[in-house]
Protein backbone atom coordinates (compact mmCIF):
# COMPACT_ATOMS: atom_id res chain seq x y z
CA UNK A 1 -25.15 -52.28 -6.44
CA UNK A 2 -26.96 -48.94 -6.21
CA UNK A 3 -24.87 -45.84 -5.63
CA UNK A 4 -25.05 -44.43 -2.13
CA UNK A 5 -26.56 -41.17 -3.37
CA UNK A 6 -29.36 -43.12 -5.07
CA UNK A 7 -30.11 -44.92 -1.79
CA UNK A 8 -30.20 -41.54 -0.01
CA UNK A 9 -32.66 -40.42 -2.71
CA UNK A 10 -34.92 -43.36 -1.78
CA UNK A 11 -34.55 -42.44 1.90
CA UNK A 12 -35.61 -38.89 1.08
CA UNK A 13 -38.54 -40.13 -1.04
CA UNK A 14 -39.77 -42.40 1.79
CA UNK A 15 -39.56 -39.45 4.17
CA UNK A 16 -41.48 -37.22 1.77
CA UNK A 17 -44.25 -39.78 1.18
CA UNK A 18 -44.65 -40.36 4.91
CA UNK A 19 -44.52 -36.64 5.75
CA UNK A 20 -47.25 -35.78 3.27
CA UNK A 21 -49.47 -38.68 4.35
CA UNK A 22 -48.95 -37.85 8.06
CA UNK A 23 -49.70 -34.18 7.45
CA UNK A 24 -52.93 -35.03 5.56
CA UNK A 25 -53.93 -37.46 8.30
CA UNK A 26 -53.44 -34.73 10.92
CA UNK A 27 -55.75 -32.45 8.92
CA UNK A 28 -58.34 -35.23 8.74
CA UNK A 29 -58.00 -35.80 12.49
CA UNK A 30 -58.67 -32.11 13.10
CA UNK A 31 -61.83 -32.36 11.00
CA UNK A 32 -63.00 -35.17 13.29
CA UNK A 33 -62.29 -33.05 16.35
CA UNK A 34 -64.57 -30.33 14.96
CA UNK A 35 -67.27 -32.81 13.93
CA UNK A 36 -67.13 -36.43 15.08
CA UNK A 37 -69.42 -37.43 12.18
CA UNK A 38 -67.52 -35.56 9.46
CA UNK A 39 -67.11 -37.35 6.14
CA UNK A 40 -63.38 -37.41 5.55
CA UNK A 41 -61.89 -37.24 2.07
CA UNK A 42 -59.89 -40.41 2.82
CA UNK A 43 -63.07 -42.43 3.53
CA UNK A 44 -63.35 -44.49 0.38
CA UNK A 45 -65.64 -47.29 1.58
CA UNK A 46 -66.21 -49.50 4.62
CA UNK A 47 -62.77 -51.08 4.26
CA UNK A 48 -60.78 -47.90 3.59
CA UNK A 49 -62.28 -45.77 6.32
CA UNK A 50 -60.00 -43.24 7.95
CA UNK A 51 -62.82 -42.23 10.27
CA UNK A 52 -63.05 -45.70 11.81
CA UNK A 53 -59.30 -45.85 12.31
CA UNK A 54 -58.93 -42.29 13.63
CA UNK A 55 -61.75 -42.76 16.14
CA UNK A 56 -59.93 -45.73 17.70
CA UNK A 57 -57.69 -45.49 20.76
CA UNK A 58 -54.90 -47.06 18.68
CA UNK A 59 -54.62 -43.87 16.60
CA UNK A 60 -53.51 -41.89 19.65
CA UNK A 61 -51.54 -44.45 21.61
CA UNK A 62 -49.27 -41.80 23.21
CA UNK A 63 -52.15 -39.47 24.13
CA UNK A 64 -52.02 -37.41 20.93
CA UNK A 65 -52.54 -38.38 17.27
CA UNK A 66 -49.92 -40.82 16.02
CA UNK A 67 -49.71 -38.76 12.84
CA UNK A 68 -48.09 -35.88 14.74
CA UNK A 69 -45.24 -38.10 15.90
CA UNK A 70 -44.93 -39.56 12.41
CA UNK A 71 -44.63 -36.06 10.92
CA UNK A 72 -41.53 -35.45 13.08
CA UNK A 73 -40.08 -38.86 12.21
CA UNK A 74 -40.67 -38.65 8.47
CA UNK A 75 -39.38 -35.06 8.29
CA UNK A 76 -36.21 -36.21 10.05
CA UNK A 77 -35.80 -39.07 7.55
CA UNK A 78 -36.42 -36.66 4.65
CA UNK A 79 -33.72 -34.36 6.02
CA UNK A 80 -31.26 -37.25 6.48
CA UNK A 81 -31.90 -38.33 2.90
CA UNK A 82 -31.41 -34.76 1.66
CA UNK A 83 -28.06 -34.50 3.50
CA UNK A 84 -26.83 -37.70 1.87
CA UNK A 85 -28.20 -36.82 -1.55
CA UNK A 86 -26.43 -33.47 -1.40
CA UNK A 87 -23.14 -35.25 -0.69
CA UNK A 88 -22.99 -34.64 3.03
CA UNK A 89 -21.87 -37.27 5.49
CA UNK A 90 -23.23 -38.47 8.79
CA UNK A 91 -21.20 -40.34 11.41
CA UNK A 92 -21.91 -44.10 11.38
CA UNK A 93 -23.25 -43.98 14.95
CA UNK A 94 -25.84 -41.37 13.95
CA UNK A 95 -26.87 -43.45 10.93
CA UNK A 96 -27.22 -46.54 13.13
CA UNK A 97 -29.27 -44.58 15.65
CA UNK A 98 -31.57 -43.33 12.87
CA UNK A 99 -31.90 -46.90 11.58
CA UNK A 100 -32.88 -48.03 15.09
CA UNK A 101 -35.55 -45.32 15.29
CA UNK A 102 -36.78 -46.36 11.83
CA UNK A 103 -37.04 -49.98 12.94
CA UNK A 104 -39.03 -48.91 16.02
CA UNK A 105 -41.47 -47.02 13.80
CA UNK A 106 -41.67 -50.00 11.42
CA UNK A 107 -42.51 -52.37 14.30
CA UNK A 108 -45.07 -49.87 15.60
CA UNK A 109 -46.59 -49.66 12.12
CA UNK A 110 -46.82 -53.46 11.95
CA UNK A 111 -48.65 -53.52 15.27
CA UNK A 112 -50.93 -50.69 14.11
CA UNK A 113 -51.71 -52.44 10.80
CA UNK A 114 -52.55 -55.63 12.71
CA UNK A 115 -54.86 -53.63 14.98
CA UNK A 116 -56.45 -51.87 11.98
CA UNK A 117 -56.97 -55.10 10.10
CA UNK A 118 -58.19 -57.43 12.86
CA UNK A 119 -59.46 -55.20 15.71
CA UNK A 120 -60.69 -51.96 14.11
CA UNK A 121 -61.49 -53.85 10.88
CA UNK A 122 -60.85 -50.82 8.68
CA UNK A 123 -57.78 -49.45 6.94
CA UNK A 124 -56.60 -45.87 6.69
CA UNK A 125 -55.30 -45.23 3.19
CA UNK A 126 -52.95 -42.53 4.50
CA UNK A 127 -51.49 -45.03 7.01
CA UNK A 128 -50.78 -47.37 4.09
CA UNK A 129 -48.79 -44.61 2.41
CA UNK A 130 -46.87 -44.14 5.68
CA UNK A 131 -46.19 -47.86 5.71
CA UNK A 132 -44.84 -47.66 2.16
CA UNK A 133 -42.56 -44.82 3.30
CA UNK A 134 -41.39 -46.94 6.22
CA UNK A 135 -40.56 -49.88 3.96
CA UNK A 136 -38.52 -47.57 1.75
CA UNK A 137 -36.73 -45.92 4.67
CA UNK A 138 -35.82 -49.20 6.36
CA UNK A 139 -34.61 -50.67 3.07
CA UNK A 140 -32.38 -47.62 2.57
CA UNK A 141 -30.92 -47.65 6.10
CA UNK A 142 -30.06 -51.33 5.84
CA UNK A 143 -28.10 -50.65 2.65
CA UNK A 144 -26.43 -47.53 4.05
CA UNK A 145 -25.45 -49.14 7.35
CA UNK A 146 -24.60 -52.68 6.28
CA UNK A 147 -20.89 -52.22 6.94
CA UNK A 148 -21.45 -50.73 10.42
CA UNK A 149 -24.07 -53.12 11.82
CA UNK A 150 -22.91 -55.21 14.79
CA UNK A 151 -22.01 -58.76 13.89
CA UNK A 152 -19.27 -61.10 12.88
CA UNK A 153 -17.19 -60.86 9.73
CA UNK A 154 -19.12 -63.83 8.33
CA UNK A 155 -22.47 -62.12 9.04
CA UNK A 156 -21.26 -58.97 7.28
CA UNK A 157 -20.13 -61.03 4.28
CA UNK A 158 -23.52 -62.76 4.03
CA UNK A 159 -25.40 -59.44 4.38
CA UNK A 160 -23.25 -57.65 1.82
CA UNK A 161 -23.59 -60.52 -0.64
CA UNK A 162 -27.39 -60.50 -0.16
CA UNK A 163 -27.45 -56.75 -0.78
CA UNK A 164 -25.22 -57.12 -3.85
CA UNK A 165 -27.68 -59.62 -5.29
CA UNK A 166 -30.70 -57.49 -4.23
CA UNK A 167 -31.81 -60.11 -1.71
CA UNK A 168 -32.67 -57.32 0.73
CA UNK A 169 -34.99 -55.73 -1.82
CA UNK A 170 -36.59 -59.08 -2.54
CA UNK A 171 -37.12 -59.71 1.21
CA UNK A 172 -38.77 -56.30 1.79
CA UNK A 173 -41.01 -56.83 -1.27
CA UNK A 174 -42.06 -60.30 -0.10
CA UNK A 175 -42.91 -58.89 3.33
CA UNK A 176 -44.97 -56.08 1.76
CA UNK A 177 -46.80 -58.60 -0.48
CA UNK A 178 -47.44 -60.84 2.51
CA UNK A 179 -49.00 -57.95 4.43
CA UNK A 180 -51.11 -56.98 1.41
CA UNK A 181 -52.21 -60.62 0.98
CA UNK A 182 -53.28 -60.88 4.65
CA UNK A 183 -55.26 -57.63 4.33
CA UNK A 184 -56.82 -58.78 1.04
CA UNK A 185 -57.86 -62.11 2.57
CA UNK A 186 -59.35 -60.37 5.60
CA UNK A 187 -61.40 -57.86 3.63
CA UNK A 188 -62.29 -59.86 0.51
CA UNK A 189 -65.25 -61.71 2.02
């Protein structure tokens, strides 16, 4: 099994990837505010078109750019990873709360990717980097909090055995590949 500090390192890396991508997306969003027809650096083609995604209502679901909220979230996750990597400790309740917030953002990202793929019909490359950060963060929190998650002794045993055999990693990778496959099938025509 991976050492706890290594898992915190992955948590920090996921936070860093997401923070950078969210920051760059916020800059791109500002360019669109100045000029609605601006050619963004993250516009690669008709499939990977940040402009199409950022012009949609889904990109500002709370009334402001989603990327601004993600910057706060990913910076928090980076900081939590840094604390753990440096040898600091967090109370289990705080770790569980942070895992819950991470799961909320993961579910929101799944909805957003569905909207991007099937409604907007374009993908934002920076959003995909944020999704990769979310996968990494949620993988890390599951490993860090496995002992403290609610559930029976039997459920804890099954979860810990799955983690010991890297079943959690396999499950997250299969989910990521499934999402990539769905996107590939949608845009490969």
